[in-house]
Amino acid sequence: MKKLSLLFCLLSLAGYAQSTKSVLFLGNSYTYYNDLPGQLSDIASSKGDVLIRDQNTPGGKSLSGHTNDLVSIDKIKQGGWDFVVLQDQSQRPSLSPNSVATNSLRYAEELSDTIYKYSPCGQPLFFMTWGRKNGDASNCASYPPVCTYAGMQARLRSSYIIMGQENNAPVSPVGAVWRDFRSTNPTVELYSPDESHPSLNGSYLAACTFYASIYHKSPMGAWKPAAMTSNVALSIQTQAHNTVFDSLSVWRIDTAVVPPSGTSYINRSTSSTQTDFAFYAADSLRLDSVIWNFGNGTNALGFSVIGSYTASGSYEVVSEHWKKCVRSVDTLIIPFFSQSIGEDAANTFSIYPNPSTGKVSVETYLNGIIRYNLYSLDGKHIKNGVVENESIDISDLISGEYILLLEVNDQFFRQKIWKK
């Protein structure tokens, strides 16, 4: 399943706005009760943020229903959404795994593909709903796990997390916050009299959870409905904050403003004419793609790639790390020495003392300016300059092993040195 149009994102060169989010809600009465999107907008405004929103939330609508709803599809195709919230019918994701696969997961994937196509810099956001107050009586006989609230909630949690995993998307864990709040605040009613739909308290809990999930900020101290006491509001805000931010990896919520960038490499193989290096991007689970420039006119795309070198020199390897349309860059310096050129300085230079605590003397019979570059063993460039007075000062380095690259008259030589 294609998750991202890389070309579109490369052209967009646009990151997520930090305070303004555009969100489309596709759900049903669990979303429109007590105007959940409106409450989220009021919370965002009270915290100095902006919510641009739209919705299609007919009563009883399922994910499969939204795939065939021209209104829903047309709204997705408008594009430019930071998030499209997907909420299934309240019972379907709580049923057996086979039933969920047939009636929910396939439609979650279909909608996600459409969202990624028309909003390649945005993503789906799955709305984990809550179990019914005393379980699902209508499905209890055929599927006993939903006979209780706890059993139904566990199935909902599992199904929505799977939707997030399968579609490379975050989950707004409303149901998990609901469960935690219910256990610590049993006297605060989250349900309407039908024991399924949310009360004003329940919708506010959902709105606070969405605020934390979308804006990556705490809802504590935010706007509250006039009919709600300050104590109840603070309790709900606190629980939303705790449950969301305590388990970000579980909900697949990435709060990083820019994608992770660390890279590493190893010398993979060497022949008489070529050396191959394997390059790796760090934390690839939080990246969509990595683009590599090996500094020798060649490029590659991937989380782990091979770069090949034939001529001695110092190469700057640049990796671009993409998360949606946000970019970060990392740079490695690769000191490479072809076997066709003398690579061991010991036969040409006298380098002493080695190890050293301060200055390293560099003497040679060659005439010409001696330039040096110093690297850590993982290829990070440490310092460079011209060898003056036949010495290099390494007193500012931490103790360890380094690679010293020496250049004289377009010839390159290397030697390991140690700092005590």
Protein backbone atom coordinates (compact mmCIF):
# COMPACT_ATOMS: atom_id res chain seq x y z
CA MET A 1 0.00 0.00 0.00
CA LYS A 2 1.49 3.33 -1.02
CA LYS A 3 1.60 5.68 1.97
CA LEU A 4 3.21 8.79 0.56
CA SER A 5 3.72 10.59 -2.71
CA LEU A 6 7.37 11.52 -2.18
CA LEU A 7 7.55 13.67 -5.29
CA PHE A 8 4.61 15.79 -4.16
CA CYS A 9 6.17 16.27 -0.74
CA LEU A 10 9.53 17.20 -2.21
CA LEU A 11 7.84 19.88 -4.27
CA SER A 12 5.76 21.14 -1.40
CA LEU A 13 8.68 21.85 0.96
CA ALA A 14 6.12 22.65 3.64
CA GLY A 15 6.09 21.53 7.26
CA TYR A 16 3.27 21.24 9.68
CA ALA A 17 2.12 24.60 11.02
CA GLN A 18 2.76 24.71 14.74
CA SER A 19 -0.47 26.41 15.77
CA THR A 20 -2.95 25.93 12.92
CA LYS A 21 -4.31 22.53 11.97
CA SER A 22 -6.84 21.60 9.30
CA VAL A 23 -8.89 18.56 10.32
CA LEU A 24 -11.67 16.67 8.57
CA PHE A 25 -13.88 14.49 10.80
CA LEU A 26 -15.45 11.40 9.20
CA GLY A 27 -17.51 9.52 11.74
CA ASN A 28 -21.03 9.34 13.13
CA SER A 29 -23.07 10.35 16.17
CA TYR A 30 -20.16 9.66 18.55
CA THR A 31 -18.49 12.63 16.84
CA TYR A 32 -21.45 14.97 16.38
CA TYR A 33 -22.93 14.52 19.88
CA ASN A 34 -22.28 17.70 21.88
CA ASP A 35 -20.36 19.03 18.87
CA LEU A 36 -17.01 17.38 19.52
CA PRO A 37 -15.29 19.28 16.63
CA GLY A 38 -16.63 22.57 18.00
CA GLN A 39 -15.36 21.77 21.48
CA LEU A 40 -11.93 20.97 20.05
CA SER A 41 -11.96 24.32 18.24
CA ASP A 42 -12.77 26.14 21.49
CA ILE A 43 -10.00 24.29 23.34
CA ALA A 44 -7.49 25.15 20.60
CA SER A 45 -8.51 28.82 20.60
CA SER A 46 -8.13 29.04 24.37
CA LYS A 47 -4.57 27.72 24.05
CA GLY A 48 -3.65 30.17 21.27
CA ASP A 49 -4.10 27.67 18.43
CA VAL A 50 -6.41 27.51 15.43
CA LEU A 51 -8.55 24.64 14.13
CA ILE A 52 -9.80 24.69 10.55
CA ARG A 53 -12.43 21.97 10.41
CA ASP A 54 -15.05 20.19 8.41
CA GLN A 55 -17.04 17.02 8.99
CA ASN A 56 -19.36 14.40 7.63
CA THR A 57 -20.80 12.50 10.60
CA PRO A 58 -24.22 10.96 9.84
CA GLY A 59 -25.66 8.77 12.60
CA GLY A 60 -24.56 5.12 12.47
CA LYS A 61 -22.04 5.67 9.69
CA SER A 62 -19.26 3.08 9.43
CA LEU A 63 -15.90 3.17 7.71
CA SER A 64 -17.32 1.06 4.92
CA GLY A 65 -20.17 3.56 4.61
CA HIS A 66 -17.72 6.45 4.27
CA THR A 67 -15.88 4.69 1.43
CA ASN A 68 -19.14 4.80 -0.56
CA ASP A 69 -20.27 8.24 0.62
CA LEU A 70 -19.68 10.83 -2.10
CA VAL A 71 -19.76 13.62 0.46
CA SER A 72 -16.97 12.01 2.47
CA ILE A 73 -14.87 11.23 -0.59
CA ASP A 74 -15.33 14.72 -2.05
CA LYS A 75 -14.21 16.27 1.23
CA ILE A 76 -11.11 14.05 1.29
CA LYS A 77 -10.36 15.04 -2.31
CA GLN A 78 -10.35 18.72 -1.37
CA GLY A 79 -6.88 17.93 0.01
CA GLY A 80 -4.70 20.02 2.25
CA TRP A 81 -5.80 18.26 5.43
CA ASP A 82 -3.31 17.86 8.26
CA PHE A 83 -5.49 15.08 9.66
CA VAL A 84 -8.58 13.20 8.52
CA VAL A 85 -10.21 11.63 11.59
CA LEU A 86 -11.65 8.18 10.87
CA GLN A 87 -14.21 6.74 13.28
CA ASP A 88 -15.97 3.45 12.69
CA GLN A 89 -19.45 2.47 13.84
CA SER A 90 -19.26 1.94 17.60
CA GLN A 91 -19.63 -1.86 17.66
CA ARG A 92 -17.81 -3.09 14.56
CA PRO A 93 -14.19 -2.76 15.76
CA SER A 94 -15.06 -4.59 19.01
CA LEU A 95 -16.15 -7.81 17.33
CA SER A 96 -14.03 -10.85 16.43
CA PRO A 97 -10.70 -10.36 14.61
CA ASN A 98 -12.13 -12.01 11.49
CA SER A 99 -15.13 -9.71 11.54
CA VAL A 100 -12.93 -6.65 12.08
CA ALA A 101 -10.66 -7.66 9.20
CA THR A 102 -13.64 -8.02 6.87
CA ASN A 103 -15.79 -5.10 7.98
CA SER A 104 -13.32 -2.51 9.30
CA LEU A 105 -9.65 -2.95 8.41
CA ARG A 106 -10.10 -3.16 4.66
CA TYR A 107 -12.11 0.07 4.63
CA ALA A 108 -9.64 1.80 6.95
CA GLU A 109 -6.96 0.99 4.38
CA GLU A 110 -9.08 2.18 1.44
CA LEU A 111 -9.85 5.50 3.10
CA SER A 112 -6.23 5.93 4.21
CA ASP A 113 -4.96 5.41 0.67
CA THR A 114 -7.32 8.11 -0.58
CA ILE A 115 -6.26 10.48 2.22
CA TYR A 116 -2.56 10.00 1.47
CA LYS A 117 -3.20 10.54 -2.23
CA TYR A 118 -4.96 13.89 -1.83
CA SER A 119 -3.22 15.14 1.34
CA PRO A 120 0.29 13.67 1.02
CA CYS A 121 1.59 16.00 3.71
CA GLY A 122 -1.19 14.91 6.10
CA GLN A 123 -2.39 11.60 7.44
CA PRO A 124 -5.37 9.68 8.83
CA LEU A 125 -6.03 9.90 12.57
CA PHE A 126 -8.00 6.98 13.96
CA PHE A 127 -10.60 7.78 16.61
CA MET A 128 -10.39 5.01 19.23
CA THR A 129 -13.90 4.99 20.69
CA TRP A 130 -15.12 3.72 24.07
CA GLY A 131 -16.96 0.59 25.11
CA ARG A 132 -20.62 0.76 26.08
CA LYS A 133 -21.22 1.36 29.76
CA ASN A 134 -22.22 -2.24 30.54
CA GLY A 135 -20.98 -4.00 27.43
CA ASP A 136 -22.71 -4.78 24.15
CA ALA A 137 -25.82 -6.78 24.98
CA SER A 138 -26.82 -7.17 21.33
CA ASN A 139 -23.59 -9.02 20.42
CA CYS A 140 -22.88 -10.68 23.76
CA ALA A 141 -24.32 -14.09 22.88
CA SER A 142 -22.48 -14.38 19.57
CA TYR A 143 -19.19 -12.89 20.81
CA PRO A 144 -18.78 -13.11 24.63
CA PRO A 145 -15.72 -10.79 24.93
CA VAL A 146 -18.04 -7.79 24.43
CA CYS A 147 -20.43 -8.80 27.22
CA THR A 148 -18.65 -6.39 29.59
CA TYR A 149 -17.37 -2.86 29.26
CA ALA A 150 -13.80 -4.00 29.92
CA GLY A 151 -13.95 -6.70 27.28
CA MET A 152 -15.48 -4.42 24.68
CA GLN A 153 -12.97 -1.68 25.43
CA ALA A 154 -10.04 -4.08 25.08
CA ARG A 155 -11.24 -5.16 21.64
CA LEU A 156 -11.76 -1.56 20.50
CA ARG A 157 -8.28 -0.64 21.66
CA SER A 158 -6.69 -3.55 19.82
CA SER A 159 -8.56 -2.93 16.57
CA TYR A 160 -7.82 0.78 16.38
CA ILE A 161 -4.14 0.26 17.16
CA ILE A 162 -4.00 -2.26 14.32
CA MET A 163 -5.61 0.31 12.01
CA GLY A 164 -2.88 2.77 12.94
CA GLN A 165 -0.11 0.23 12.45
CA GLU A 166 -1.38 -1.01 9.11
CA ASN A 167 -1.84 2.49 7.72
CA ASN A 168 1.21 4.25 9.17
CA ALA A 169 -1.08 6.58 11.08
CA PRO A 170 -1.60 7.82 14.65
CA VAL A 171 -4.49 6.93 16.92
CA SER A 172 -6.30 9.41 19.15
CA PRO A 173 -6.76 7.18 22.23
CA VAL A 174 -10.11 8.52 23.42
CA GLY A 175 -11.21 5.06 24.54
CA ALA A 176 -8.03 4.58 26.59
CA VAL A 177 -8.48 7.96 28.30
CA TRP A 178 -12.14 7.08 28.90
CA ARG A 179 -11.15 3.79 30.55
CA ASP A 180 -8.54 5.44 32.79
CA PHE A 181 -10.85 8.29 33.77
CA ARG A 182 -13.72 5.95 34.48
CA SER A 183 -11.60 3.96 36.92
CA THR A 184 -10.33 7.00 38.83
CA ASN A 185 -13.48 9.17 38.68
CA PRO A 186 -16.42 6.72 38.94
CA THR A 187 -18.86 9.43 40.05
CA VAL A 188 -18.40 11.55 36.91
CA GLU A 189 -20.86 10.39 34.25
CA LEU A 190 -19.35 10.05 30.78
CA TYR A 191 -22.39 8.45 29.13
CA SER A 192 -25.75 9.75 28.01
CA PRO A 193 -28.82 7.83 29.33
CA ASP A 194 -28.59 5.28 26.47
CA GLU A 195 -25.24 4.06 27.98
CA SER A 196 -23.58 4.35 24.56
CA HIS A 197 -23.38 7.94 23.39
CA PRO A 198 -21.27 10.50 25.27
CA SER A 199 -22.55 12.95 27.81
CA LEU A 200 -21.16 16.48 27.72
CA ASN A 201 -18.37 15.20 30.00
CA GLY A 202 -17.63 12.35 27.59
CA SER A 203 -17.46 14.61 24.53
CA TYR A 204 -15.22 17.04 26.40
CA LEU A 205 -12.92 14.14 27.32
CA ALA A 206 -12.75 13.22 23.63
CA ALA A 207 -12.02 16.83 22.64
CA CYS A 208 -9.20 17.12 25.19
CA THR A 209 -7.72 13.86 23.91
CA PHE A 210 -7.86 15.09 20.33
CA TYR A 211 -6.19 18.35 21.30
CA ALA A 212 -3.25 16.48 22.85
CA SER A 213 -3.10 14.08 19.89
CA ILE A 214 -3.23 16.74 17.16
CA TYR A 215 -1.39 19.72 18.63
CA HIS A 216 0.98 17.71 20.84
CA LYS A 217 0.27 20.06 23.73
CA SER A 218 -1.35 19.56 27.10
CA PRO A 219 -5.07 20.44 27.36
CA MET A 220 -4.65 21.43 31.00
CA GLY A 221 -5.95 24.94 31.63
CA ALA A 222 -7.97 24.96 28.41
CA TRP A 223 -11.50 26.20 27.75
CA LYS A 224 -14.32 24.25 29.34
CA PRO A 225 -18.09 24.19 28.70
CA ALA A 226 -20.01 26.62 30.88
CA ALA A 227 -22.14 23.82 32.30
CA MET A 228 -19.09 21.89 33.56
CA THR A 229 -17.51 22.49 36.97
CA SER A 230 -13.86 23.51 37.08
CA ASN A 231 -12.95 20.43 39.13
CA VAL A 232 -14.45 18.02 36.59
CA ALA A 233 -12.84 19.88 33.70
CA LEU A 234 -9.41 19.78 35.35
CA SER A 235 -9.76 16.07 36.11
CA ILE A 236 -10.62 15.35 32.47
CA GLN A 237 -7.80 17.55 31.16
CA THR A 238 -5.32 15.86 33.48
CA GLN A 239 -6.33 12.35 32.47
CA ALA A 240 -6.15 13.20 28.76
CA HIS A 241 -2.69 14.65 29.28
CA ASN A 242 -1.44 11.65 31.24
CA THR A 243 -2.83 8.89 29.03
CA VAL A 244 -1.79 10.47 25.73
CA PHE A 245 1.72 11.56 26.66
CA ASP A 246 2.57 8.50 28.74
CA SER A 247 2.21 6.17 25.74
CA LEU A 248 3.01 8.17 22.60
CA SER A 249 4.69 5.22 20.90
CA VAL A 250 1.65 3.00 21.48
CA TRP A 251 -0.63 5.58 19.88
CA ARG A 252 1.94 6.20 17.12
CA ILE A 253 1.85 9.92 17.88
CA ASP A 254 5.07 11.55 16.69
CA THR A 255 5.63 14.86 18.47
CA ALA A 256 8.92 15.62 16.71
CA VAL A 257 8.87 18.92 14.84
CA VAL A 258 11.51 17.61 12.43
CA PRO A 259 12.29 13.98 11.58
CA PRO A 260 15.22 12.20 13.24
CA SER A 261 18.45 12.47 11.31
CA GLY A 262 21.28 10.34 12.81
CA THR A 263 23.17 8.12 10.36
CA SER A 264 26.01 5.61 10.52
CA TYR A 265 28.10 3.50 8.16
CA ILE A 266 30.40 0.50 8.03
CA ASN A 267 33.05 -0.62 5.55
CA ARG A 268 31.28 -3.50 3.86
CA SER A 269 33.73 -4.84 1.27
CA THR A 270 36.96 -3.87 -0.48
CA SER A 271 38.43 -4.99 -3.80
CA SER A 272 41.52 -3.82 -5.63
CA THR A 273 39.58 -1.05 -7.33
CA GLN A 274 36.54 -0.27 -5.16
CA THR A 275 35.32 -0.09 -1.59
CA ASP A 276 31.64 -0.40 -0.65
CA PHE A 277 30.21 1.28 2.44
CA ALA A 278 26.83 0.41 3.97
CA PHE A 279 24.94 3.47 5.22
CA TYR A 280 22.08 3.34 7.72
CA ALA A 281 19.45 5.87 8.75
CA ALA A 282 18.60 6.04 12.45
CA ASP A 283 15.08 5.49 13.75
CA SER A 284 13.56 4.55 10.39
CA LEU A 285 10.16 3.82 11.97
CA ARG A 286 9.61 7.57 12.26
CA LEU A 287 10.66 8.32 8.69
CA ASP A 288 8.93 8.03 5.35
CA SER A 289 12.09 8.13 3.24
CA VAL A 290 15.80 8.92 3.22
CA ILE A 291 17.61 10.34 0.18
CA TRP A 292 21.41 9.95 0.03
CA ASN A 293 24.07 11.91 -1.85
CA PHE A 294 27.38 10.09 -1.56
CA GLY A 295 29.55 13.06 -2.52
CA ASN A 296 30.92 11.35 -5.62
CA GLY A 297 28.09 12.07 -8.06
CA THR A 298 25.95 9.10 -7.05
CA ASN A 299 22.69 8.94 -5.08
CA ALA A 300 20.37 6.41 -3.48
CA LEU A 301 16.97 6.18 -1.78
CA GLY A 302 16.33 3.99 1.27
CA PHE A 303 16.85 3.44 4.97
CA SER A 304 19.94 1.26 4.36
CA VAL A 305 21.94 1.71 1.16
CA ILE A 306 25.34 0.97 -0.37
CA GLY A 307 27.76 3.67 -1.54
CA SER A 308 30.83 2.77 -3.60
CA TYR A 309 34.13 4.66 -3.90
CA THR A 310 37.09 4.15 -6.23
CA ALA A 311 39.24 7.27 -5.80
CA SER A 312 40.96 8.27 -2.57
CA GLY A 313 39.67 11.38 -0.88
CA SER A 314 37.44 12.82 1.80
CA TYR A 315 33.76 12.54 0.82
CA GLU A 316 30.84 14.44 2.29
CA VAL A 317 27.82 12.14 2.44
CA VAL A 318 24.54 14.02 2.86
CA SER A 319 21.31 12.26 3.89
CA GLU A 320 17.90 13.97 3.67
CA HIS A 321 15.40 12.54 6.13
CA TRP A 322 11.72 13.03 5.24
CA LYS A 323 8.67 12.73 7.47
CA LYS A 324 5.75 13.69 5.28
CA CYS A 325 6.80 17.08 3.93
CA VAL A 326 9.18 17.93 6.77
CA ARG A 327 12.92 17.54 6.10
CA SER A 328 16.07 17.25 8.17
CA VAL A 329 19.63 16.72 7.00
CA ASP A 330 22.61 14.82 8.38
CA THR A 331 26.19 14.83 7.09
CA LEU A 332 28.98 12.27 7.35
CA ILE A 333 32.57 12.72 6.23
CA ILE A 334 34.01 9.51 4.76
CA PRO A 335 37.82 9.36 4.63
CA PHE A 336 38.43 6.82 1.84
CA PHE A 337 41.78 5.53 0.68
CA SER A 338 42.17 3.55 -2.52
CA GLN A 339 44.55 0.62 -2.37
CA SER A 340 46.27 2.04 -5.45
CA ILE A 341 47.61 4.97 -3.33
CA GLY A 342 49.77 4.59 -0.25
CA GLU A 343 47.33 4.44 2.63
CA ASP A 344 49.63 3.72 5.56
CA ALA A 345 51.47 6.82 6.73
CA ALA A 346 53.93 4.74 8.75
CA ASN A 347 56.15 4.21 5.67
CA THR A 348 56.24 7.90 4.78
CA PHE A 349 55.76 9.81 8.02
CA SER A 350 57.09 9.67 11.50
CA ILE A 351 54.15 10.29 13.84
CA TYR A 352 54.94 10.43 17.54
CA PRO A 353 54.20 10.17 20.39
CA ASN A 354 51.27 7.90 19.66
CA PRO A 355 49.32 7.73 22.02
CA SER A 356 49.66 11.37 23.01
CA THR A 357 48.12 13.67 25.59
CA GLY A 358 48.81 16.90 23.73
CA LYS A 359 50.74 17.47 20.50
CA VAL A 360 51.55 14.85 17.85
CA SER A 361 54.75 15.41 15.82
CA VAL A 362 54.48 14.77 12.06
CA GLU A 363 57.76 14.45 10.10
CA THR A 364 58.25 13.33 6.49
CA TYR A 365 60.86 13.38 3.71
CA LEU A 366 58.23 14.71 1.27
CA ASN A 367 58.36 18.34 0.25
CA GLY A 368 55.21 20.44 0.22
CA ILE A 369 52.44 21.69 2.44
CA ILE A 370 51.01 18.98 4.67
CA ARG A 371 47.28 19.28 5.23
CA TYR A 372 45.41 17.14 7.73
CA ASN A 373 41.88 16.07 8.56
CA LEU A 374 40.99 14.27 11.75
CA TYR A 375 37.98 11.92 12.00
CA SER A 376 36.31 9.80 14.63
CA LEU A 377 36.07 6.09 13.88
CA ASP A 378 32.40 6.51 12.85
CA GLY A 379 33.35 9.05 10.18
CA LYS A 380 32.50 12.30 11.96
CA HIS A 381 34.84 15.11 10.96
CA ILE A 382 36.60 16.47 14.06
CA LYS A 383 39.06 19.13 12.83
CA ASN A 384 41.36 20.05 9.96
CA GLY A 385 44.20 22.39 9.11
CA VAL A 386 47.81 22.67 7.94
CA VAL A 387 50.60 20.94 9.84
CA GLU A 388 52.63 23.78 11.30
CA ASN A 389 55.96 23.38 13.06
CA GLU A 390 55.71 19.68 12.28
CA SER A 391 52.98 19.07 14.88
CA ILE A 392 49.22 18.78 15.39
CA ASP A 393 47.59 19.78 18.67
CA ILE A 394 45.10 17.16 19.90
CA SER A 395 44.91 18.33 23.49
CA ASP A 396 41.29 19.42 23.00
CA LEU A 397 40.12 15.92 22.00
CA ILE A 398 38.52 13.45 24.35
CA SER A 399 40.39 10.22 25.01
CA GLY A 400 39.99 7.66 22.26
CA GLU A 401 41.05 6.46 18.83
CA TYR A 402 40.99 8.65 15.70
CA ILE A 403 41.85 8.48 12.00
CA LEU A 404 44.39 11.05 10.80
CA LEU A 405 44.24 11.79 7.06
CA LEU A 406 47.34 13.51 5.66
CA GLU A 407 47.55 15.09 2.20
CA VAL A 408 50.78 16.12 0.45
CA ASN A 409 50.98 17.00 -3.25
CA ASP A 410 47.62 15.30 -3.99
CA GLN A 411 48.69 12.11 -2.27
CA PHE A 412 46.71 10.81 0.68
CA PHE A 413 47.98 8.87 3.68
CA ARG A 414 46.25 7.68 6.81
CA GLN A 415 47.24 6.67 10.28
CA LYS A 416 45.37 5.81 13.46
CA ILE A 417 46.29 7.92 16.43
CA TRP A 418 45.31 7.69 20.07
CA LYS A 419 44.54 10.48 22.52
CA LYS A 420 45.22 9.51 26.13
